[in-house]
Structures are given as C-alpha cells and as structure tokens.
C-alpha atoms as a PDB file:
ATOM      1  CA  MET A   1       0.069   0.019   0.002  1.00  0.00           C
ATOM      2  CA  ARG A   2       1.451   3.336  -0.965  1.00  0.00           C
ATOM      3  CA  ALA A   3       1.542   6.300   1.473  1.00  0.00           C
ATOM      4  CA  ALA A   4      -0.037   9.579   0.116  1.00  0.00           C
ATOM      5  CA  THR A   5       2.044  12.630   0.431  1.00  0.00           C
ATOM      6  CA  LEU A   6       0.280  15.949   0.805  1.00  0.00           C
ATOM      7  CA  ARG A   7       2.279  18.987  -0.346  1.00  0.00           C
ATOM      8  CA  VAL A   8       1.386  22.345   1.170  1.00  0.00           C
ATOM      9  CA  PRO A   9       2.092  25.126  -1.257  1.00  0.00           C
ATOM     10  CA  PRO A  10       4.509  27.753  -0.081  1.00  0.00           C
ATOM     11  CA  ARG A  11       3.144  30.925   1.490  1.00  0.00           C
ATOM     12  CA  PRO A  12       3.457  34.095  -0.671  1.00  0.00           C
ATOM     13  CA  ALA A  13       6.127  36.346   0.630  1.00  0.00           C
ATOM     14  CA  ILE A  14       5.012  39.475   2.149  1.00  0.00           C
ATOM     15  CA  ARG A  15       6.702  42.489   0.940  1.00  0.00           C
ATOM     16  CA  ILE A  16       6.677  45.734   2.742  1.00  0.00           C
ATOM     17  CA  ALA A  17       6.658  48.706   0.406  1.00  0.00           C
ATOM     18  CA  LEU A  18       9.067  51.389   1.815  1.00  0.00           C
ATOM     19  CA  PRO A  19       9.235  54.789   0.429  1.00  0.00           C
ATOM     20  CA  SER A  20      12.149  55.466  -1.764  1.00  0.00           C
ATOM     21  CA  GLY A  21      14.825  57.824  -0.936  1.00  0.00           C
ATOM     22  CA  ARG A  22      13.488  60.072  -3.712  1.00  0.00           C
ATOM     23  CA  SER A  23       9.895  60.131  -2.213  1.00  0.00           C
ATOM     24  CA  ILE A  24      11.210  61.057   1.230  1.00  0.00           C
ATOM     25  CA  ALA A  25      13.264  63.871  -0.314  1.00  0.00           C
ATOM     26  CA  ILE A  26      10.238  65.150  -2.185  1.00  0.00           C
ATOM     27  CA  GLY A  27       8.097  65.016   0.874  1.00  0.00           C
ATOM     28  CA  LEU A  28      10.537  66.937   3.122  1.00  0.00           C
ATOM     29  CA  ALA A  29      10.928  69.477   0.338  1.00  0.00           C
ATOM     30  CA  LEU A  30       7.218  69.973   0.246  1.00  0.00           C
ATOM     31  CA  LEU A  31       7.049  70.350   4.018  1.00  0.00           C
ATOM     32  CA  VAL A  32       9.751  72.959   4.005  1.00  0.00           C
ATOM     33  CA  ALA A  33       8.042  74.818   1.287  1.00  0.00           C
ATOM     34  CA  ALA A  34       4.819  74.865   3.146  1.00  0.00           C
ATOM     35  CA  ALA A  35       6.568  76.121   6.321  1.00  0.00           C
ATOM     36  CA  GLY A  36       8.181  78.878   4.318  1.00  0.00           C
ATOM     37  CA  LEU A  37       4.988  79.905   2.647  1.00  0.00           C
ATOM     38  CA  TYR A  38       3.268  80.216   6.023  1.00  0.00           C
ATOM     39  CA  ALA A  39       6.230  82.028   7.515  1.00  0.00           C
ATOM     40  CA  GLY A  40       6.225  84.468   4.610  1.00  0.00           C
ATOM     41  CA  ALA A  41       2.402  84.936   4.753  1.00  0.00           C
ATOM     42  CA  ARG A  42       2.798  85.956   8.466  1.00  0.00           C
ATOM     43  CA  GLU A  43       5.670  88.447   7.698  1.00  0.00           C
ATOM     44  CA  THR A  44       4.538  89.979   4.261  1.00  0.00           C
ATOM     45  CA  SER A  45       1.757  92.224   3.214  1.00  0.00           C
ATOM     46  CA  VAL A  46       0.102  89.494   0.879  1.00  0.00           C
ATOM     47  CA  PHE A  47      -2.753  89.073   3.455  1.00  0.00           C
ATOM     48  CA  ALA A  48      -2.342  92.447   5.229  1.00  0.00           C
ATOM     49  CA  VAL A  49      -5.474  93.639   7.059  1.00  0.00           C
ATOM     50  CA  GLN A  50      -7.119  96.401   4.924  1.00  0.00           C
ATOM     51  CA  ARG A  51     -10.713  96.348   5.996  1.00  0.00           C
ATOM     52  CA  VAL A  52     -12.587  95.909   9.207  1.00  0.00           C
ATOM     53  CA  GLU A  53     -16.312  94.870   8.824  1.00  0.00           C
ATOM     54  CA  VAL A  54     -18.454  95.151  11.819  1.00  0.00           C
ATOM     55  CA  VAL A  55     -22.048  93.550  12.337  1.00  0.00           C
ATOM     56  CA  GLY A  56     -24.284  94.222  15.275  1.00  0.00           C
ATOM     57  CA  GLY A  57     -24.871  97.204  17.527  1.00  0.00           C
ATOM     58  CA  GLN A  58     -25.571 100.752  16.663  1.00  0.00           C
ATOM     59  CA  PRO A  59     -23.403 102.784  14.189  1.00  0.00           C
ATOM     60  CA  ARG A  60     -21.720 104.619  17.150  1.00  0.00           C
ATOM     61  CA  VAL A  61     -20.564 101.275  18.745  1.00  0.00           C
ATOM     62  CA  GLN A  62     -19.464  99.879  15.365  1.00  0.00           C
ATOM     63  CA  THR A  63     -17.242 103.087  14.921  1.00  0.00           C
ATOM     64  CA  ALA A  64     -15.756 102.523  18.305  1.00  0.00           C
ATOM     65  CA  VAL A  65     -14.886  98.907  17.322  1.00  0.00           C
ATOM     66  CA  ARG A  66     -13.142 100.028  14.149  1.00  0.00           C
ATOM     67  CA  ARG A  67     -11.195 102.555  16.202  1.00  0.00           C
ATOM     68  CA  ALA A  68     -10.258  99.955  18.674  1.00  0.00           C
ATOM     69  CA  LEU A  69      -8.859  97.700  15.841  1.00  0.00           C
ATOM     70  CA  ARG A  70      -7.180 100.392  13.838  1.00  0.00           C
ATOM     71  CA  ASP A  71      -3.645  99.255  14.999  1.00  0.00           C
ATOM     72  CA  GLU A  72      -4.411  95.786  13.219  1.00  0.00           C
ATOM     73  CA  ARG A  73      -4.376  97.474   9.757  1.00  0.00           C
ATOM     74  CA  GLY A  74      -1.206  96.309   8.016  1.00  0.00           C
ATOM     75  CA  THR A  75      -0.981  93.202  10.133  1.00  0.00           C
ATOM     76  CA  SER A  76      -0.991  89.800   8.350  1.00  0.00           C
ATOM     77  CA  LEU A  77      -4.285  87.954   8.807  1.00  0.00           C
ATOM     78  CA  VAL A  78      -2.142  84.836   9.429  1.00  0.00           C
ATOM     79  CA  ARG A  79      -0.689  86.535  12.520  1.00  0.00           C
ATOM     80  CA  VAL A  80      -4.199  87.496  13.873  1.00  0.00           C
ATOM     81  CA  ASP A  81      -5.490  85.460  16.834  1.00  0.00           C
ATOM     82  CA  PRO A  82      -9.416  85.760  16.623  1.00  0.00           C
ATOM     83  CA  GLN A  83      -9.909  84.866  20.244  1.00  0.00           C
ATOM     84  CA  VAL A  84      -7.375  87.150  21.604  1.00  0.00           C
ATOM     85  CA  LEU A  85      -8.745  90.026  19.505  1.00  0.00           C
ATOM     86  CA  ALA A  86     -12.353  89.358  20.483  1.00  0.00           C
ATOM     87  CA  ALA A  87     -11.446  89.386  24.151  1.00  0.00           C
ATOM     88  CA  ALA A  88      -9.518  92.605  23.652  1.00  0.00           C
ATOM     89  CA  LEU A  89     -12.541  94.251  22.051  1.00  0.00           C
ATOM     90  CA  VAL A  90     -14.722  93.597  25.079  1.00  0.00           C
ATOM     91  CA  GLU A  91     -12.051  95.116  27.181  1.00  0.00           C
ATOM     92  CA  ARG A  92     -11.476  98.141  24.956  1.00  0.00           C
ATOM     93  CA  VAL A  93     -15.097  99.056  24.067  1.00  0.00           C
ATOM     94  CA  PRO A  94     -17.378  99.185  27.070  1.00  0.00           C
ATOM     95  CA  GLU A  95     -20.645  98.991  24.973  1.00  0.00           C
ATOM     96  CA  VAL A  96     -19.462  95.519  23.612  1.00  0.00           C
ATOM     97  CA  GLU A  97     -20.806  92.533  25.786  1.00  0.00           C
ATOM     98  CA  SER A  98     -19.111  89.877  23.463  1.00  0.00           C
ATOM     99  CA  ALA A  99     -17.544  89.648  20.102  1.00  0.00           C
ATOM    100  CA  THR A 100     -16.411  87.208  17.488  1.00  0.00           C
ATOM    101  CA  VAL A 101     -13.780  87.817  15.037  1.00  0.00           C
ATOM    102  CA  ASP A 102     -13.168  85.878  11.747  1.00  0.00           C
ATOM    103  CA  ARG A 103     -10.351  86.281   9.221  1.00  0.00           C
ATOM    104  CA  ALA A 104     -11.938  86.747   5.749  1.00  0.00           C
ATOM    105  CA  PHE A 105      -8.993  86.428   3.418  1.00  0.00           C
ATOM    106  CA  PRO A 106      -7.353  88.019   1.610  1.00  0.00           C
ATOM    107  CA  HIS A 107      -7.644  91.343   3.508  1.00  0.00           C
ATOM    108  CA  THR A 108     -10.588  91.724   5.759  1.00  0.00           C
ATOM    109  CA  LEU A 109     -11.249  91.243   9.535  1.00  0.00           C
ATOM    110  CA  ALA A 110     -15.016  90.284   9.965  1.00  0.00           C
ATOM    111  CA  VAL A 111     -16.357  91.160  13.401  1.00  0.00           C
ATOM    112  CA  ARG A 112     -19.695  90.346  14.934  1.00  0.00           C
ATOM    113  CA  ILE A 113     -20.650  92.090  18.273  1.00  0.00           C
ATOM    114  CA  ARG A 114     -23.234  91.619  20.779  1.00  0.00           C
ATOM    115  CA  PRO A 115     -23.969  95.120  22.450  1.00  0.00           C
ATOM    116  CA  GLU A 116     -24.389  95.509  26.100  1.00  0.00           C
ATOM    117  CA  ARG A 117     -28.016  96.283  27.234  1.00  0.00           C
ATOM    118  CA  ALA A 118     -28.484  99.728  28.823  1.00  0.00           C
ATOM    119  CA  VAL A 119     -30.863  99.449  31.760  1.00  0.00           C
ATOM    120  CA  ALA A 120     -30.622 102.781  33.586  1.00  0.00           C
ATOM    121  CA  VAL A 121     -28.983 106.187  33.810  1.00  0.00           C
ATOM    122  CA  LEU A 122     -26.792 106.843  36.780  1.00  0.00           C
ATOM    123  CA  ARG A 123     -26.796 110.260  38.225  1.00  0.00           C
ATOM    124  CA  ARG A 124     -24.288 111.911  40.554  1.00  0.00           C
ATOM    125  CA  GLY A 125     -24.387 115.630  40.898  1.00  0.00           C
ATOM    126  CA  GLY A 126     -24.851 117.204  37.458  1.00  0.00           C
ATOM    127  CA  SER A 127     -23.254 114.185  35.628  1.00  0.00           C
ATOM    128  CA  SER A 128     -25.149 111.241  34.003  1.00  0.00           C
ATOM    129  CA  TRP A 129     -24.001 107.893  32.575  1.00  0.00           C
ATOM    130  CA  VAL A 130     -25.676 104.955  31.082  1.00  0.00           C
ATOM    131  CA  VAL A 131     -25.178 101.736  32.864  1.00  0.00           C
ATOM    132  CA  SER A 132     -25.646  98.105  31.519  1.00  0.00           C
ATOM    133  CA  ALA A 133     -27.391  95.063  32.886  1.00  0.00           C
ATOM    134  CA  HIS A 134     -24.057  94.029  34.032  1.00  0.00           C
ATOM    135  CA  ALA A 135     -23.461  97.171  36.078  1.00  0.00           C
ATOM    136  CA  ARG A 136     -20.921  98.427  33.558  1.00  0.00           C
ATOM    137  CA  VAL A 137     -20.759 102.102  32.765  1.00  0.00           C
ATOM    138  CA  LEU A 138     -21.164 102.427  29.112  1.00  0.00           C
ATOM    139  CA  ARG A 139     -20.737 106.248  28.344  1.00  0.00           C
ATOM    140  CA  ALA A 140     -21.583 109.654  29.680  1.00  0.00           C
ATOM    141  CA  ILE A 141     -24.703 111.444  28.358  1.00  0.00           C
ATOM    142  CA  PRO A 142     -25.996 115.016  28.686  1.00  0.00           C
ATOM    143  CA  HIS A 143     -28.184 115.852  31.435  1.00  0.00           C
ATOM    144  CA  GLY A 144     -31.918 115.053  30.413  1.00  0.00           C
ATOM    145  CA  ALA A 145     -30.974 112.527  27.630  1.00  0.00           C
ATOM    146  CA  LEU A 146     -32.544 108.992  27.390  1.00  0.00           C
ATOM    147  CA  LEU A 147     -35.640 109.757  29.515  1.00  0.00           C
ATOM    148  CA  SER A 148     -37.000 106.462  28.731  1.00  0.00           C
ATOM    149  CA  LEU A 149     -34.536 104.868  31.038  1.00  0.00           C
ATOM    150  CA  PRO A 150     -34.926 104.882  34.939  1.00  0.00           C
ATOM    151  CA  ARG A 151     -32.675 107.135  36.977  1.00  0.00           C
ATOM    152  CA  ILE A 152     -30.449 105.760  39.842  1.00  0.00           C
ATOM    153  CA  TRP A 153     -29.018 108.409  42.218  1.00  0.00           C
ATOM    154  CA  LEU A 154     -25.690 107.533  43.495  1.00  0.00           C
ATOM    155  CA  GLY A 155     -24.038 108.680  46.678  1.00  0.00           C
ATOM    156  CA  ARG A 156     -20.964 110.852  46.816  1.00  0.00           C
ATOM    157  CA  GLY A 157     -17.915 109.816  44.948  1.00  0.00           C
ATOM    158  CA  ASP A 158     -15.485 110.297  42.037  1.00  0.00           C
ATOM    159  CA  ALA A 159     -16.774 110.714  38.399  1.00  0.00           C
ATOM    160  CA  LEU A 160     -17.333 107.519  36.502  1.00  0.00           C
ATOM    161  CA  GLU A 161     -15.598 106.492  33.386  1.00  0.00           C
ATOM    162  CA  PRO A 162     -16.681 104.141  30.522  1.00  0.00           C
ATOM    163  CA  GLY A 163     -15.753 100.664  31.542  1.00  0.00           C
ATOM    164  CA  ASP A 164     -16.123 101.110  35.213  1.00  0.00           C
ATOM    165  CA  HIS A 165     -18.215  98.683  37.154  1.00  0.00           C
ATOM    166  CA  VAL A 166     -20.726 100.053  39.616  1.00  0.00           C
ATOM    167  CA  ASP A 167     -20.638  98.669  43.162  1.00  0.00           C
ATOM    168  CA  GLY A 168     -22.205  99.432  46.464  1.00  0.00           C
ATOM    169  CA  GLU A 169     -25.589  99.613  47.826  1.00  0.00           C
ATOM    170  CA  SER A 170     -26.816 102.608  46.000  1.00  0.00           C
ATOM    171  CA  GLY A 171     -25.431 101.454  42.467  1.00  0.00           C
ATOM    172  CA  ALA A 172     -25.067  97.777  42.065  1.00  0.00           C
ATOM    173  CA  ARG A 173     -28.295  96.580  43.955  1.00  0.00           C
ATOM    174  CA  PRO A 174     -30.541  98.822  41.869  1.00  0.00           C
ATOM    175  CA  VAL A 175     -28.877  97.723  38.661  1.00  0.00           C
ATOM    176  CA  ALA A 176     -29.323  94.105  39.803  1.00  0.00           C
ATOM    177  CA  ALA A 177     -33.095  94.662  40.281  1.00  0.00           C
ATOM    178  CA  LEU A 178     -33.421  96.241  36.782  1.00  0.00           C
ATOM    179  CA  ALA A 179     -31.466  93.502  34.889  1.00  0.00           C
ATOM    180  CA  PRO A 180     -34.253  90.918  34.552  1.00  0.00           C
ATOM    181  CA  LEU A 181     -37.023  93.523  34.199  1.00  0.00           C
ATOM    182  CA  ARG A 182     -37.496  93.449  30.419  1.00  0.00           C
ATOM    183  CA  GLY A 183     -40.814  91.956  29.219  1.00  0.00           C
ATOM    184  CA  TYR A 184     -42.820  92.407  32.260  1.00  0.00           C
ATOM    185  CA  GLY A 185     -44.496  95.803  31.176  1.00  0.00           C
ATOM    186  CA  LEU A 186     -43.301  97.593  34.303  1.00  0.00           C
ATOM    187  CA  HIS A 187     -41.840 101.018  33.469  1.00  0.00           C
ATOM    188  CA  PRO A 188     -39.849 102.487  36.435  1.00  0.00           C
ATOM    189  CA  ARG A 189     -38.909 106.238  36.574  1.00  0.00           C
ATOM    190  CA  THR A 190     -36.441 106.002  39.370  1.00  0.00           C
ATOM    191  CA  VAL A 191     -34.944 103.289  41.473  1.00  0.00           C
ATOM    192  CA  ARG A 192     -33.550 103.524  45.000  1.00  0.00           C
ATOM    193  CA  ALA A 193     -32.032 101.075  47.370  1.00  0.00           C
ATOM    194  CA  SER A 194     -31.638 100.982  51.281  1.00  0.00           C
ATOM    195  CA  ALA A 195     -29.970  98.484  53.492  1.00  0.00           C
ATOM    196  CA  ASP A 196     -32.841  95.877  53.152  1.00  0.00           C
ATOM    197  CA  GLU A 197     -35.014  97.107  50.275  1.00  0.00           C
ATOM    198  CA  VAL A 198     -34.912  98.018  46.571  1.00  0.00           C
ATOM    199  CA  THR A 199     -37.962 100.142  45.446  1.00  0.00           C
ATOM    200  CA  LEU A 200     -38.833 100.890  41.822  1.00  0.00           C
ATOM    201  CA  VAL A 201     -41.056 104.049  41.450  1.00  0.00           C
ATOM    202  CA  LEU A 202     -43.126 103.397  38.306  1.00  0.00           C
ATOM    203  CA  ARG A 203     -44.151 106.076  35.915  1.00  0.00           C
ATOM    204  CA  THR A 204     -47.663 105.655  37.212  1.00  0.00           C
ATOM    205  CA  GLY A 205     -46.477 106.768  40.545  1.00  0.00           C
ATOM    206  CA  VAL A 206     -46.708 103.299  42.213  1.00  0.00           C
ATOM    207  CA  GLU A 207     -43.846 102.289  44.454  1.00  0.00           C
ATOM    208  CA  LEU A 208     -42.989  98.740  43.586  1.00  0.00           C
ATOM    209  CA  ARG A 209     -41.253  97.316  46.754  1.00  0.00           C
ATOM    210  CA  LEU A 210     -39.054  94.243  46.160  1.00  0.00           C
ATOM    211  CA  GLY A 211     -37.332  93.717  49.459  1.00  0.00           C
ATOM    212  CA  ASP A 212     -34.031  92.094  48.520  1.00  0.00           C
ATOM    213  CA  THR A 213     -32.934  91.065  44.948  1.00  0.00           C
ATOM    214  CA  GLY A 214     -33.901  87.453  45.227  1.00  0.00           C
ATOM    215  CA  ASP A 215     -36.584  85.891  43.216  1.00  0.00           C
ATOM    216  CA  LEU A 216     -36.927  89.001  41.092  1.00  0.00           C
ATOM    217  CA  ARG A 217     -38.699  87.286  38.178  1.00  0.00           C
ATOM    218  CA  LEU A 218     -41.237  85.894  40.367  1.00  0.00           C
ATOM    219  CA  LYS A 219     -41.775  89.261  42.116  1.00  0.00           C
ATOM    220  CA  PHE A 220     -42.205  90.986  38.826  1.00  0.00           C
ATOM    221  CA  ALA A 221     -44.705  88.435  37.534  1.00  0.00           C
ATOM    222  CA  ILE A 222     -46.858  88.858  40.752  1.00  0.00           C
ATOM    223  CA  ALA A 223     -46.479  92.684  40.561  1.00  0.00           C
ATOM    224  CA  ARG A 224     -47.674  92.773  37.081  1.00  0.00           C
ATOM    225  CA  LYS A 225     -50.725  90.631  38.041  1.00  0.00           C
ATOM    226  CA  VAL A 226     -51.546  92.715  40.882  1.00  0.00           C
ATOM    227  CA  LEU A 227     -51.228  95.932  38.970  1.00  0.00           C
ATOM    228  CA  ARG A 228     -53.583  94.603  36.241  1.00  0.00           C
ATOM    229  CA  THR A 229     -56.090  93.582  38.718  1.00  0.00           C
ATOM    230  CA  LEU A 230     -55.946  97.141  40.289  1.00  0.00           C
ATOM    231  CA  GLY A 231     -56.406  98.677  36.831  1.00  0.00           C
ATOM    232  CA  ASP A 232     -56.982 102.533  37.200  1.00  0.00           C
ATOM    233  CA  ALA A 233     -56.784 102.275  40.922  1.00  0.00           C
ATOM    234  CA  GLY A 234     -53.161 101.301  40.465  1.00  0.00           C
ATOM    235  CA  THR A 235     -51.916 104.804  39.644  1.00  0.00           C
ATOM    236  CA  GLY A 236     -50.440 105.599  43.170  1.00  0.00           C
ATOM    237  CA  GLY A 237     -49.688 104.021  46.381  1.00  0.00           C
ATOM    238  CA  TYR A 238     -47.547 100.846  46.536  1.00  0.00           C
ATOM    239  CA  VAL A 239     -47.335  97.177  45.686  1.00  0.00           C
ATOM    240  CA  ASP A 240     -45.170  95.286  48.150  1.00  0.00           C
ATOM    241  CA  VAL A 241     -44.007  91.836  46.788  1.00  0.00           C
ATOM    242  CA  SER A 242     -41.024  91.511  49.124  1.00  0.00           C
ATOM    243  CA  VAL A 243     -42.727  88.289  50.253  1.00  0.00           C
ATOM    244  CA  PRO A 244     -43.979  86.959  46.851  1.00  0.00           C
ATOM    245  CA  GLN A 245     -46.497  84.499  48.422  1.00  0.00           C
ATOM    246  CA  ARG A 246     -48.218  87.513  50.345  1.00  0.00           C
ATOM    247  CA  PRO A 247     -48.282  90.495  48.113  1.00  0.00           C
ATOM    248  CA  VAL A 248     -49.745  93.687  49.680  1.00  0.00           C
ATOM    249  CA  ALA A 249     -51.153  96.699  47.746  1.00  0.00           C
ATOM    250  CA  SER A 250     -52.387  99.988  49.080  1.00  0.00           C
ATOM    251  CA  ALA A 251     -53.429 103.377  47.634  1.00  0.00           C
ATOM    252  CA  ASN A 252     -51.724 104.984  50.412  1.00  0.00           C
ATOM    253  CA  PRO A 253     -47.899 105.396  49.720  1.00  0.00           C
ATOM    254  CA  GLN A 254     -47.163 105.215  53.553  1.00  0.00           C
ATOM    255  CA  VAL A 255     -47.366 101.906  55.233  1.00  0.00           C
ATOM    256  CA  GLY A 256     -50.036 101.883  57.944  1.00  0.00           C
ATOM    257  CA  GLY A 257     -48.985 101.098  61.591  1.00  0.00           C
END
C-alpha cells in the first residue's frame, strides 16, 4: 500500500513597500516649502488687514470697534488670533458685551458684536452715565437725555469712566433689580435702594417694593398681575412683593402702623 504525500503550497512572501529615498526627499521638500510659505504669509503684506467689517450694535458702537482695531491694519491675517482679538474688544469698548472675530482672506477682519443692554441712567451731581445690565458704565450722556431709562441716584464719589463697574448699595443693587425687568411691562422712573429694600417708582407713581434682589422674576410677575387687577386704581400707592407669596397693595404710599 502506497502512502499519500500531501504537499502544502509555499506561503507567498509578504513585501513591505518602503518609500524610496527620492519620495522622502520630495515630501521633506514640500513640508519645508509649506512652512516657508506660512512664515512668509505671517511676515509679508500678502494678507495684510485692509478692512474691518462690523455687524451688530448701533453705528456709534461699530465706529468705536473699528477705532479699537485700527492698530491691526497692515498686520497679516495669518498673525491674527481671533479669540485674543475678540477678548481685547470687550475690554477696550465698554458697549460691547461679547464679540467674535473671523479672518476673511485676503484682507478683511469680520467682526460680529453683541452690544451691552442699557438698563438705567446713573446720576451723581450734574453728571449722568448709561449703565448696562452687568453694572458696567457704558458712556456719559448730557443731562436730560434718554428719558425712557430709569434714574439711579448715586451717593458721593468720584466721576465715573466708561468701562467702570458700579458697586455699592446705591448702585449695584438697583442695577441688579433692573437687569431681569425687560418683558414684564413695568416701567420704572427711578430706582432707590436701602440696606434691606430696593424700590422701583413706576411712571404711574406706584412704588414697587421688592425687598431684597432674590426671586426677582417671580416678584415682577406677581406685581404685574396685581397691577392689572388694580386697573386705574393702580396709579399711586404701593405694591409690596417683598414676600411674593403674600403681596400687599395700598392706595396710601405710606405703610400703615
């Protein structure tokens, strides 16, 4: 009996394709060329900033943004760091709450801004300043301007400058009370604060007594409902929502004993 012999075919050789010396040289040359082009773009005027386009805010604020970026003209767009520039804008222009900066090649900086929201006019002596919802002084204004904004009377102190942040009982607390007010249909004429209470004096003459600055949105919603219930009777006196669960209203502006 003959024994059968099984022959296993040899495995194919695995060849690893390695780049040739010429391919490596070409790749390195391209890398060096790219680095050179990038370095050249950073240092030359090929992509120099020539225009600054600003979207958002009033023309006055847009002009201030362009002025703040005037030193960037002539700088290569490749050298511009958009995030650093956006943060610098917020610092330099008080009326800008936030900003985004994009590089629009070949020669344009595209800036989109979100302006600060003015909530009141600060008064100290004969001087007036607009203040934002973040208690930031936006700009000085002439006496009697922007009558649609409520007035906050500050105590004695130095003159304010745009970019300053208001602090203290007479400034920061009233601003904090006004910040969430938009949309409730309440229109204060003046705002005042004491050690334990913030009071909005509405244009109807009603004193809206808030107590502290906690739960303001709830207090405003309740005050609006109370004033709607009072109708024409709510043209004087006070509405006290310092304890929101137990609002009190009276036609007498003085609290009874």
